[in-house]
Amino acid sequence: MRRGRRIQCFLVLAIAFFTGTVATLNAEDSREGRKIIGKDFSVVIERSEKRSHMLRADVAFCSEIANKECAEATDRFTIDAAKIYCHTTVHGSPSYMEIRHLWYRNGKIDQIVRLPVKSSRWRTWSLKALSSGTGGDWRVEVYTGDQKIGEGEFSVAETEGVESAKDLKMGPP
């Protein structure tokens, strides 16, 4: 086998391996129809079952990011926090992809943030600036395409000393 054919064969097998396909090498002596190793290779690539990646996202909320991590993760904030970070660690990403943080306040969509993911374990975050009137129950869902890969919930109290937004909804005892 010539050196060029060997390199070509190697490249085809490498591409097949990394794309999740199955490569079958067939060599036939065109004069007699016999299979011969080392002569005139033709490569047939067939798509195998789709590889399933265990793609998931761990979600945490905090008011400060330090060293690419939540400084103090919590699910209860007051309006005085000024901003809330949704810190997400994505596990199992096959390659470069994009995720979306969908921020919901009291069940209604508030904002959508697109974020890149560049390796199989990637840390990223988005932020929500708080202002008067943004108290309530919040939820962030993490999507890639149509697939939800994570979510988390937190609450924001309008006044200090109230543990959660749910406490604000309660009437007198």
N, C-alpha and C. Protein backbone atom coordinates (compact mmCIF):
# COMPACT_ATOMS: atom_id res chain seq x y z
N MET A 1 0.85 -1.17 0.00
CA MET A 1 0.00 0.00 0.00
C MET A 1 0.89 1.23 0.00
N ARG A 2 0.54 2.15 -0.83
CA ARG A 2 1.32 3.37 -0.90
C ARG A 2 1.09 4.21 0.34
N ARG A 3 2.06 5.05 0.63
CA ARG A 3 2.00 5.90 1.82
C ARG A 3 0.78 6.83 1.79
N GLY A 4 0.46 7.37 0.65
CA GLY A 4 -0.70 8.27 0.51
C GLY A 4 -2.00 7.58 0.87
N ARG A 5 -2.14 6.32 0.45
CA ARG A 5 -3.34 5.54 0.78
C ARG A 5 -3.44 5.30 2.28
N ARG A 6 -2.30 5.04 2.91
CA ARG A 6 -2.30 4.81 4.36
C ARG A 6 -2.77 6.05 5.10
N ILE A 7 -2.25 7.20 4.71
CA ILE A 7 -2.66 8.46 5.34
C ILE A 7 -4.14 8.70 5.11
N GLN A 8 -4.60 8.48 3.90
CA GLN A 8 -6.01 8.67 3.58
C GLN A 8 -6.89 7.74 4.42
N CYS A 9 -6.49 6.49 4.53
CA CYS A 9 -7.23 5.52 5.33
C CYS A 9 -7.27 5.94 6.80
N PHE A 10 -6.12 6.38 7.32
CA PHE A 10 -6.05 6.84 8.71
C PHE A 10 -6.98 8.02 8.94
N LEU A 11 -6.97 8.99 8.03
CA LEU A 11 -7.83 10.17 8.20
C LEU A 11 -9.31 9.80 8.19
N VAL A 12 -9.70 8.91 7.30
CA VAL A 12 -11.09 8.49 7.24
C VAL A 12 -11.50 7.79 8.54
N LEU A 13 -10.63 6.92 9.05
CA LEU A 13 -10.94 6.23 10.30
C LEU A 13 -11.00 7.22 11.47
N ALA A 14 -10.11 8.20 11.50
CA ALA A 14 -10.12 9.20 12.57
C ALA A 14 -11.40 10.02 12.52
N ILE A 15 -11.80 10.44 11.34
CA ILE A 15 -13.05 11.20 11.21
C ILE A 15 -14.23 10.34 11.65
N ALA A 16 -14.24 9.10 11.24
CA ALA A 16 -15.33 8.20 11.62
C ALA A 16 -15.39 8.03 13.13
N PHE A 17 -14.25 7.90 13.77
CA PHE A 17 -14.21 7.72 15.22
C PHE A 17 -14.77 8.95 15.94
N PHE A 18 -14.34 10.13 15.54
CA PHE A 18 -14.74 11.33 16.25
C PHE A 18 -16.15 11.79 15.93
N THR A 19 -16.73 11.33 14.83
CA THR A 19 -18.10 11.73 14.50
C THR A 19 -19.12 10.66 14.87
N GLY A 20 -18.67 9.57 15.44
CA GLY A 20 -19.61 8.53 15.88
C GLY A 20 -20.10 7.66 14.76
N THR A 21 -19.33 7.50 13.72
CA THR A 21 -19.72 6.63 12.61
C THR A 21 -18.90 5.36 12.64
N VAL A 22 -19.34 4.39 11.87
CA VAL A 22 -18.62 3.13 11.77
C VAL A 22 -18.00 3.07 10.39
N ALA A 23 -16.72 2.80 10.33
CA ALA A 23 -16.04 2.71 9.04
C ALA A 23 -15.71 1.25 8.76
N THR A 24 -16.01 0.81 7.57
CA THR A 24 -15.70 -0.55 7.15
C THR A 24 -14.75 -0.46 5.97
N LEU A 25 -13.64 -1.13 6.07
CA LEU A 25 -12.67 -1.11 4.97
C LEU A 25 -12.84 -2.38 4.13
N ASN A 26 -13.00 -2.18 2.83
CA ASN A 26 -13.13 -3.31 1.91
C ASN A 26 -12.05 -3.20 0.85
N ALA A 27 -11.36 -4.25 0.63
CA ALA A 27 -10.35 -4.28 -0.43
C ALA A 27 -10.64 -5.48 -1.32
N GLU A 28 -10.76 -5.24 -2.60
CA GLU A 28 -11.01 -6.34 -3.52
C GLU A 28 -10.02 -6.26 -4.67
N ASP A 29 -9.58 -7.39 -5.08
CA ASP A 29 -8.76 -7.46 -6.28
C ASP A 29 -9.75 -7.39 -7.43
N SER A 30 -9.69 -6.33 -8.20
CA SER A 30 -10.70 -6.10 -9.23
C SER A 30 -10.68 -7.18 -10.32
N ARG A 31 -9.55 -7.88 -10.49
CA ARG A 31 -9.49 -8.90 -11.52
C ARG A 31 -10.21 -10.17 -11.10
N GLU A 32 -10.14 -10.54 -9.81
CA GLU A 32 -10.69 -11.82 -9.38
C GLU A 32 -11.81 -11.68 -8.35
N GLY A 33 -12.10 -10.50 -7.84
CA GLY A 33 -13.16 -10.32 -6.86
C GLY A 33 -12.81 -10.82 -5.48
N ARG A 34 -11.53 -11.09 -5.21
CA ARG A 34 -11.11 -11.57 -3.90
C ARG A 34 -10.81 -10.40 -2.98
N LYS A 35 -11.01 -10.64 -1.68
CA LYS A 35 -10.64 -9.62 -0.70
C LYS A 35 -9.17 -9.74 -0.42
N ILE A 36 -8.47 -8.64 -0.56
CA ILE A 36 -7.03 -8.63 -0.36
C ILE A 36 -6.69 -7.50 0.60
N ILE A 37 -5.89 -7.81 1.58
CA ILE A 37 -5.43 -6.80 2.51
C ILE A 37 -4.26 -6.05 1.88
N GLY A 38 -4.29 -4.74 1.94
CA GLY A 38 -3.15 -3.95 1.50
C GLY A 38 -3.23 -3.45 0.08
N LYS A 39 -4.33 -3.66 -0.63
CA LYS A 39 -4.45 -3.15 -1.99
C LYS A 39 -5.76 -2.41 -2.14
N ASP A 40 -5.74 -1.34 -2.89
CA ASP A 40 -6.91 -0.56 -3.29
C ASP A 40 -8.06 -0.59 -2.28
N PHE A 41 -7.90 0.14 -1.24
CA PHE A 41 -8.95 0.20 -0.22
C PHE A 41 -10.06 1.14 -0.66
N SER A 42 -11.27 0.72 -0.43
CA SER A 42 -12.41 1.63 -0.55
C SER A 42 -13.05 1.68 0.82
N VAL A 43 -13.49 2.83 1.23
CA VAL A 43 -14.01 3.01 2.58
C VAL A 43 -15.50 3.30 2.51
N VAL A 44 -16.25 2.54 3.28
CA VAL A 44 -17.69 2.74 3.38
C VAL A 44 -17.97 3.22 4.79
N ILE A 45 -18.60 4.36 4.90
CA ILE A 45 -18.92 4.89 6.23
C ILE A 45 -20.43 4.84 6.42
N GLU A 46 -20.82 4.21 7.51
CA GLU A 46 -22.24 4.11 7.84
C GLU A 46 -22.48 4.83 9.16
N ARG A 47 -23.58 5.51 9.25
CA ARG A 47 -23.92 6.22 10.48
C ARG A 47 -24.40 5.21 11.51
N SER A 48 -23.77 5.20 12.67
CA SER A 48 -24.20 4.30 13.74
C SER A 48 -25.26 5.02 14.56
N GLU A 49 -25.74 4.36 15.60
CA GLU A 49 -26.71 5.01 16.47
C GLU A 49 -26.12 6.30 17.00
N LYS A 50 -26.98 7.28 17.18
CA LYS A 50 -26.54 8.56 17.69
C LYS A 50 -25.91 8.38 19.05
N ARG A 51 -24.75 8.99 19.24
CA ARG A 51 -24.13 8.95 20.56
C ARG A 51 -24.94 9.81 21.51
N SER A 52 -25.18 9.30 22.67
CA SER A 52 -25.92 10.10 23.64
C SER A 52 -24.94 10.65 24.67
N HIS A 53 -24.88 11.94 24.75
CA HIS A 53 -24.03 12.60 25.72
C HIS A 53 -24.87 12.90 26.95
N MET A 54 -24.32 12.65 28.09
CA MET A 54 -25.01 12.98 29.34
C MET A 54 -24.80 14.46 29.60
N LEU A 55 -25.58 15.26 28.94
CA LEU A 55 -25.47 16.71 29.04
C LEU A 55 -26.34 17.18 30.18
N ARG A 56 -25.73 17.91 31.12
CA ARG A 56 -26.50 18.44 32.24
C ARG A 56 -25.88 19.75 32.68
N ALA A 57 -26.68 20.54 33.41
CA ALA A 57 -26.20 21.82 33.92
C ALA A 57 -26.54 21.92 35.40
N ASP A 58 -25.54 22.24 36.21
CA ASP A 58 -25.75 22.53 37.63
C ASP A 58 -25.94 24.03 37.76
N VAL A 59 -26.99 24.43 38.48
CA VAL A 59 -27.35 25.84 38.59
C VAL A 59 -27.27 26.28 40.04
N ALA A 60 -26.66 27.46 40.27
CA ALA A 60 -26.58 28.05 41.61
C ALA A 60 -26.78 29.56 41.48
N PHE A 61 -27.29 30.18 42.53
CA PHE A 61 -27.54 31.62 42.53
C PHE A 61 -26.73 32.29 43.63
N CYS A 62 -26.22 33.49 43.34
CA CYS A 62 -25.44 34.24 44.31
C CYS A 62 -25.43 35.71 43.93
N SER A 63 -24.90 36.54 44.82
CA SER A 63 -24.81 37.97 44.52
C SER A 63 -23.37 38.37 44.19
N GLU A 64 -22.46 37.40 44.17
CA GLU A 64 -21.07 37.69 43.82
C GLU A 64 -20.39 36.45 43.26
N ILE A 65 -19.60 36.65 42.19
CA ILE A 65 -18.80 35.58 41.59
C ILE A 65 -17.34 35.79 41.98
N ALA A 66 -16.67 34.74 42.47
CA ALA A 66 -15.25 34.81 42.80
C ALA A 66 -14.57 33.56 42.25
N ASN A 67 -13.50 33.74 41.49
CA ASN A 67 -12.76 32.63 40.88
C ASN A 67 -13.67 31.72 40.06
N LYS A 68 -14.55 32.30 39.29
CA LYS A 68 -15.48 31.58 38.40
C LYS A 68 -16.46 30.69 39.14
N GLU A 69 -16.70 30.96 40.41
CA GLU A 69 -17.66 30.20 41.23
C GLU A 69 -18.53 31.18 42.01
N CYS A 70 -19.69 30.69 42.46
CA CYS A 70 -20.53 31.50 43.35
C CYS A 70 -19.80 31.69 44.68
N ALA A 71 -19.72 32.94 45.16
CA ALA A 71 -19.07 33.20 46.43
C ALA A 71 -19.88 32.56 47.57
N GLU A 72 -21.17 32.82 47.63
CA GLU A 72 -22.06 32.20 48.61
C GLU A 72 -23.39 31.91 47.94
N ALA A 73 -23.60 30.67 47.59
CA ALA A 73 -24.84 30.28 46.91
C ALA A 73 -26.00 30.30 47.90
N THR A 74 -27.13 30.79 47.42
CA THR A 74 -28.35 30.84 48.22
C THR A 74 -29.55 30.86 47.30
N ASP A 75 -30.73 30.68 47.87
CA ASP A 75 -31.96 30.78 47.07
C ASP A 75 -32.89 31.87 47.60
N ARG A 76 -32.39 32.70 48.52
CA ARG A 76 -33.19 33.80 49.08
C ARG A 76 -32.39 35.10 49.06
N PHE A 77 -32.98 36.12 48.47
CA PHE A 77 -32.33 37.41 48.34
C PHE A 77 -33.29 38.52 48.76
N THR A 78 -32.73 39.67 49.07
CA THR A 78 -33.55 40.87 49.24
C THR A 78 -33.24 41.80 48.08
N ILE A 79 -34.09 42.78 47.90
CA ILE A 79 -33.92 43.73 46.81
C ILE A 79 -32.60 44.48 46.94
N ASP A 80 -32.07 44.55 48.17
CA ASP A 80 -30.80 45.25 48.42
C ASP A 80 -29.61 44.54 47.79
N ALA A 81 -29.78 43.31 47.35
CA ALA A 81 -28.66 42.57 46.74
C ALA A 81 -28.20 43.26 45.45
N ALA A 82 -29.05 44.03 44.82
CA ALA A 82 -28.77 44.80 43.61
C ALA A 82 -28.61 43.94 42.36
N LYS A 83 -27.97 42.78 42.46
CA LYS A 83 -27.85 41.89 41.30
C LYS A 83 -27.75 40.44 41.76
N ILE A 84 -28.23 39.57 40.90
CA ILE A 84 -28.20 38.13 41.18
C ILE A 84 -27.57 37.45 39.97
N TYR A 85 -26.60 36.59 40.26
CA TYR A 85 -25.94 35.81 39.22
C TYR A 85 -26.55 34.41 39.19
N CYS A 86 -26.77 33.91 37.98
CA CYS A 86 -27.13 32.51 37.79
C CYS A 86 -25.87 31.83 37.27
N HIS A 87 -25.19 31.11 38.15
CA HIS A 87 -23.95 30.42 37.81
C HIS A 87 -24.30 29.02 37.33
N THR A 88 -23.78 28.66 36.17
CA THR A 88 -24.10 27.37 35.57
C THR A 88 -22.81 26.63 35.21
N THR A 89 -22.73 25.37 35.64
CA THR A 89 -21.63 24.50 35.23
C THR A 89 -22.23 23.44 34.31
N VAL A 90 -21.78 23.45 33.06
CA VAL A 90 -22.28 22.50 32.06
C VAL A 90 -21.32 21.32 32.02
N HIS A 91 -21.87 20.11 32.10
CA HIS A 91 -21.10 18.87 32.06
C HIS A 91 -21.52 18.07 30.83
N GLY A 92 -20.54 17.53 30.11
CA GLY A 92 -20.84 16.60 29.01
C GLY A 92 -21.09 17.25 27.67
N SER A 93 -20.68 18.47 27.47
CA SER A 93 -20.86 19.11 26.17
C SER A 93 -19.96 18.44 25.15
N PRO A 94 -20.49 18.04 24.00
CA PRO A 94 -19.67 17.34 23.01
C PRO A 94 -18.65 18.27 22.32
N SER A 95 -18.96 19.54 22.20
CA SER A 95 -18.08 20.50 21.53
C SER A 95 -18.63 21.89 21.80
N TYR A 96 -18.21 22.86 21.02
CA TYR A 96 -18.73 24.21 21.17
C TYR A 96 -20.24 24.19 20.97
N MET A 97 -20.94 24.83 21.86
CA MET A 97 -22.39 24.95 21.73
C MET A 97 -22.84 26.21 22.45
N GLU A 98 -24.10 26.50 22.35
CA GLU A 98 -24.66 27.68 23.01
C GLU A 98 -25.78 27.21 23.94
N ILE A 99 -25.83 27.81 25.13
CA ILE A 99 -26.94 27.56 26.04
C ILE A 99 -27.70 28.87 26.21
N ARG A 100 -28.90 28.75 26.73
CA ARG A 100 -29.72 29.92 27.01
C ARG A 100 -30.20 29.86 28.45
N HIS A 101 -30.12 30.98 29.14
CA HIS A 101 -30.74 31.13 30.45
C HIS A 101 -32.06 31.85 30.23
N LEU A 102 -33.15 31.19 30.59
CA LEU A 102 -34.47 31.82 30.51
C LEU A 102 -34.86 32.20 31.94
N TRP A 103 -34.92 33.49 32.23
CA TRP A 103 -35.24 34.00 33.56
C TRP A 103 -36.75 34.25 33.62
N TYR A 104 -37.41 33.62 34.58
CA TYR A 104 -38.85 33.78 34.79
C TYR A 104 -39.08 34.47 36.13
N ARG A 105 -40.00 35.44 36.17
CA ARG A 105 -40.40 36.08 37.42
C ARG A 105 -41.89 35.87 37.58
N ASN A 106 -42.26 35.24 38.69
CA ASN A 106 -43.67 34.93 38.98
C ASN A 106 -44.34 34.23 37.79
N GLY A 107 -43.60 33.29 37.17
CA GLY A 107 -44.15 32.47 36.10
C GLY A 107 -44.11 33.09 34.71
N LYS A 108 -43.64 34.34 34.57
CA LYS A 108 -43.60 34.99 33.26
C LYS A 108 -42.15 35.25 32.86
N ILE A 109 -41.88 35.08 31.58
CA ILE A 109 -40.51 35.26 31.09
C ILE A 109 -40.09 36.71 31.29
N ASP A 110 -38.88 36.90 31.83
CA ASP A 110 -38.37 38.23 32.09
C ASP A 110 -37.21 38.58 31.16
N GLN A 111 -36.29 37.64 30.96
CA GLN A 111 -35.19 37.87 30.05
C GLN A 111 -34.60 36.55 29.57
N ILE A 112 -33.93 36.61 28.42
CA ILE A 112 -33.24 35.45 27.85
C ILE A 112 -31.80 35.87 27.59
N VAL A 113 -30.87 35.05 28.06
CA VAL A 113 -29.45 35.34 27.88
C VAL A 113 -28.79 34.16 27.18
N ARG A 114 -28.08 34.43 26.09
CA ARG A 114 -27.35 33.39 25.36
C ARG A 114 -25.90 33.38 25.84
N LEU A 115 -25.38 32.16 26.06
CA LEU A 115 -24.02 32.01 26.58
C LEU A 115 -23.29 30.90 25.83
N PRO A 116 -22.00 31.10 25.50
CA PRO A 116 -21.25 30.04 24.82
C PRO A 116 -20.74 28.99 25.81
N VAL A 117 -20.61 27.76 25.32
CA VAL A 117 -19.98 26.65 26.06
C VAL A 117 -18.90 26.12 25.15
N LYS A 118 -17.65 26.07 25.65
CA LYS A 118 -16.53 25.75 24.78
C LYS A 118 -15.77 24.48 25.14
N SER A 119 -16.22 23.74 26.15
CA SER A 119 -15.56 22.47 26.47
C SER A 119 -16.55 21.56 27.20
N SER A 120 -16.12 20.33 27.50
CA SER A 120 -17.03 19.36 28.10
C SER A 120 -17.43 19.73 29.53
N ARG A 121 -16.62 20.52 30.22
CA ARG A 121 -17.00 21.07 31.53
C ARG A 121 -16.73 22.56 31.46
N TRP A 122 -17.80 23.34 31.48
CA TRP A 122 -17.68 24.78 31.27
C TRP A 122 -18.50 25.53 32.30
N ARG A 123 -17.89 26.54 32.92
CA ARG A 123 -18.59 27.38 33.89
C ARG A 123 -18.90 28.72 33.24
N THR A 124 -20.12 29.15 33.41
CA THR A 124 -20.56 30.43 32.85
C THR A 124 -21.66 30.99 33.72
N TRP A 125 -22.03 32.24 33.50
CA TRP A 125 -23.09 32.84 34.30
C TRP A 125 -23.72 34.01 33.58
N SER A 126 -24.93 34.31 33.99
CA SER A 126 -25.62 35.51 33.54
C SER A 126 -26.07 36.25 34.80
N LEU A 127 -26.54 37.47 34.61
CA LEU A 127 -26.86 38.27 35.78
C LEU A 127 -28.17 39.02 35.57
N LYS A 128 -28.87 39.22 36.65
CA LYS A 128 -30.12 40.00 36.65
C LYS A 128 -29.94 41.15 37.63
N ALA A 129 -30.06 42.37 37.12
CA ALA A 129 -30.00 43.54 37.99
C ALA A 129 -31.36 43.73 38.65
N LEU A 130 -31.36 43.91 39.95
CA LEU A 130 -32.60 44.08 40.69
C LEU A 130 -32.90 45.56 40.87
N SER A 131 -34.18 45.87 40.86
CA SER A 131 -34.63 47.23 41.14
C SER A 131 -35.96 47.12 41.87
N SER A 132 -36.47 48.22 42.31
CA SER A 132 -37.75 48.21 43.02
C SER A 132 -38.81 47.56 42.14
N GLY A 133 -39.59 46.68 42.71
CA GLY A 133 -40.65 46.02 41.96
C GLY A 133 -40.22 44.71 41.32
N THR A 134 -38.99 44.27 41.54
CA THR A 134 -38.55 42.99 40.95
C THR A 134 -38.57 41.86 41.97
N GLY A 135 -39.20 42.07 43.09
CA GLY A 135 -39.34 41.00 44.07
C GLY A 135 -40.28 39.93 43.56
N GLY A 136 -40.20 38.77 44.15
CA GLY A 136 -41.10 37.68 43.76
C GLY A 136 -40.36 36.37 43.67
N ASP A 137 -41.04 35.40 43.10
CA ASP A 137 -40.47 34.07 42.92
C ASP A 137 -39.86 34.00 41.53
N TRP A 138 -38.62 33.58 41.47
CA TRP A 138 -37.86 33.52 40.22
C TRP A 138 -37.47 32.09 39.91
N ARG A 139 -37.31 31.82 38.62
CA ARG A 139 -36.84 30.53 38.14
C ARG A 139 -35.98 30.78 36.90
N VAL A 140 -34.89 30.05 36.79
CA VAL A 140 -34.05 30.11 35.59
C VAL A 140 -33.97 28.71 35.02
N GLU A 141 -34.32 28.58 33.75
CA GLU A 141 -34.22 27.31 33.03
C GLU A 141 -33.05 27.42 32.06
N VAL A 142 -32.27 26.35 31.96
CA VAL A 142 -31.11 26.32 31.08
C VAL A 142 -31.43 25.38 29.91
N TYR A 143 -31.32 25.92 28.70
CA TYR A 143 -31.63 25.15 27.49
C TYR A 143 -30.45 25.15 26.53
N THR A 144 -30.37 24.06 25.76
CA THR A 144 -29.55 24.02 24.57
C THR A 144 -30.47 23.50 23.47
N GLY A 145 -30.69 24.30 22.47
CA GLY A 145 -31.70 23.95 21.48
C GLY A 145 -33.06 23.85 22.16
N ASP A 146 -33.75 22.73 21.98
CA ASP A 146 -35.04 22.51 22.63
C ASP A 146 -34.93 21.68 23.90
N GLN A 147 -33.72 21.31 24.27
CA GLN A 147 -33.51 20.42 25.42
C GLN A 147 -33.20 21.21 26.68
N LYS A 148 -34.04 20.99 27.73
CA LYS A 148 -33.76 21.60 29.01
C LYS A 148 -32.72 20.74 29.72
N ILE A 149 -31.61 21.38 30.14
CA ILE A 149 -30.53 20.63 30.78
C ILE A 149 -30.35 21.01 32.25
N GLY A 150 -31.11 21.98 32.73
CA GLY A 150 -31.00 22.36 34.14
C GLY A 150 -31.97 23.48 34.47
N GLU A 151 -32.20 23.66 35.76
CA GLU A 151 -33.03 24.78 36.22
C GLU A 151 -32.80 25.00 37.71
N GLY A 152 -33.17 26.16 38.16
CA GLY A 152 -33.05 26.50 39.57
C GLY A 152 -34.06 27.58 39.92
N GLU A 153 -34.39 27.68 41.21
CA GLU A 153 -35.37 28.65 41.69
C GLU A 153 -34.80 29.45 42.85
N PHE A 154 -35.26 30.69 42.98
CA PHE A 154 -34.90 31.54 44.10
C PHE A 154 -36.00 32.56 44.30
N SER A 155 -35.95 33.27 45.42
CA SER A 155 -36.96 34.30 45.66
C SER A 155 -36.26 35.60 46.07
N VAL A 156 -36.92 36.70 45.76
CA VAL A 156 -36.41 38.03 46.09
C VAL A 156 -37.48 38.74 46.91
N ALA A 157 -37.11 39.18 48.13
CA ALA A 157 -38.02 39.93 49.00
C ALA A 157 -37.82 41.42 48.75
N GLU A 158 -38.90 42.16 48.73
CA GLU A 158 -38.84 43.61 48.50
C GLU A 158 -38.23 44.36 49.66
N THR A 159 -38.38 43.83 50.88
CA THR A 159 -37.86 44.55 52.05
C THR A 159 -36.89 43.66 52.81
N GLU A 160 -35.99 44.32 53.53
CA GLU A 160 -35.02 43.57 54.33
C GLU A 160 -35.73 42.95 55.53
N GLY A 161 -35.22 41.81 55.98
CA GLY A 161 -35.80 41.14 57.15
C GLY A 161 -36.86 40.13 56.79
N VAL A 162 -37.32 40.13 55.55
CA VAL A 162 -38.28 39.13 55.09
C VAL A 162 -37.48 38.02 54.44
N GLU A 163 -37.70 36.79 54.87
CA GLU A 163 -36.87 35.68 54.40
C GLU A 163 -37.09 35.32 52.94
N SER A 164 -38.32 35.41 52.45
CA SER A 164 -38.56 35.08 51.05
C SER A 164 -39.76 35.84 50.55
N ALA A 165 -39.92 35.85 49.23
CA ALA A 165 -41.04 36.53 48.62
C ALA A 165 -42.35 35.86 49.03
N LYS A 166 -42.32 34.58 49.32
CA LYS A 166 -43.54 33.88 49.74
C LYS A 166 -44.07 34.45 51.06
N ASP A 167 -43.14 34.91 51.93
CA ASP A 167 -43.57 35.51 53.19
C ASP A 167 -44.33 36.82 52.95
N LEU A 168 -44.02 37.51 51.88
CA LEU A 168 -44.70 38.77 51.57
C LEU A 168 -46.17 38.55 51.20
N LYS A 169 -46.48 37.41 50.63
CA LYS A 169 -47.83 37.12 50.17
C LYS A 169 -48.75 36.71 51.30
N MET A 170 -48.19 36.36 52.42
CA MET A 170 -49.02 35.91 53.52
C MET A 170 -49.65 37.09 54.23
N GLY A 171 -50.90 36.93 54.61
CA GLY A 171 -51.60 37.97 55.35
C GLY A 171 -51.27 37.91 56.83
N PRO A 172 -51.95 38.74 57.65
CA PRO A 172 -51.70 38.71 59.09
C PRO A 172 -52.13 37.38 59.69
N PRO A 173 -51.50 36.98 60.80
CA PRO A 173 -51.80 35.67 61.39
C PRO A 173 -53.21 35.57 61.93
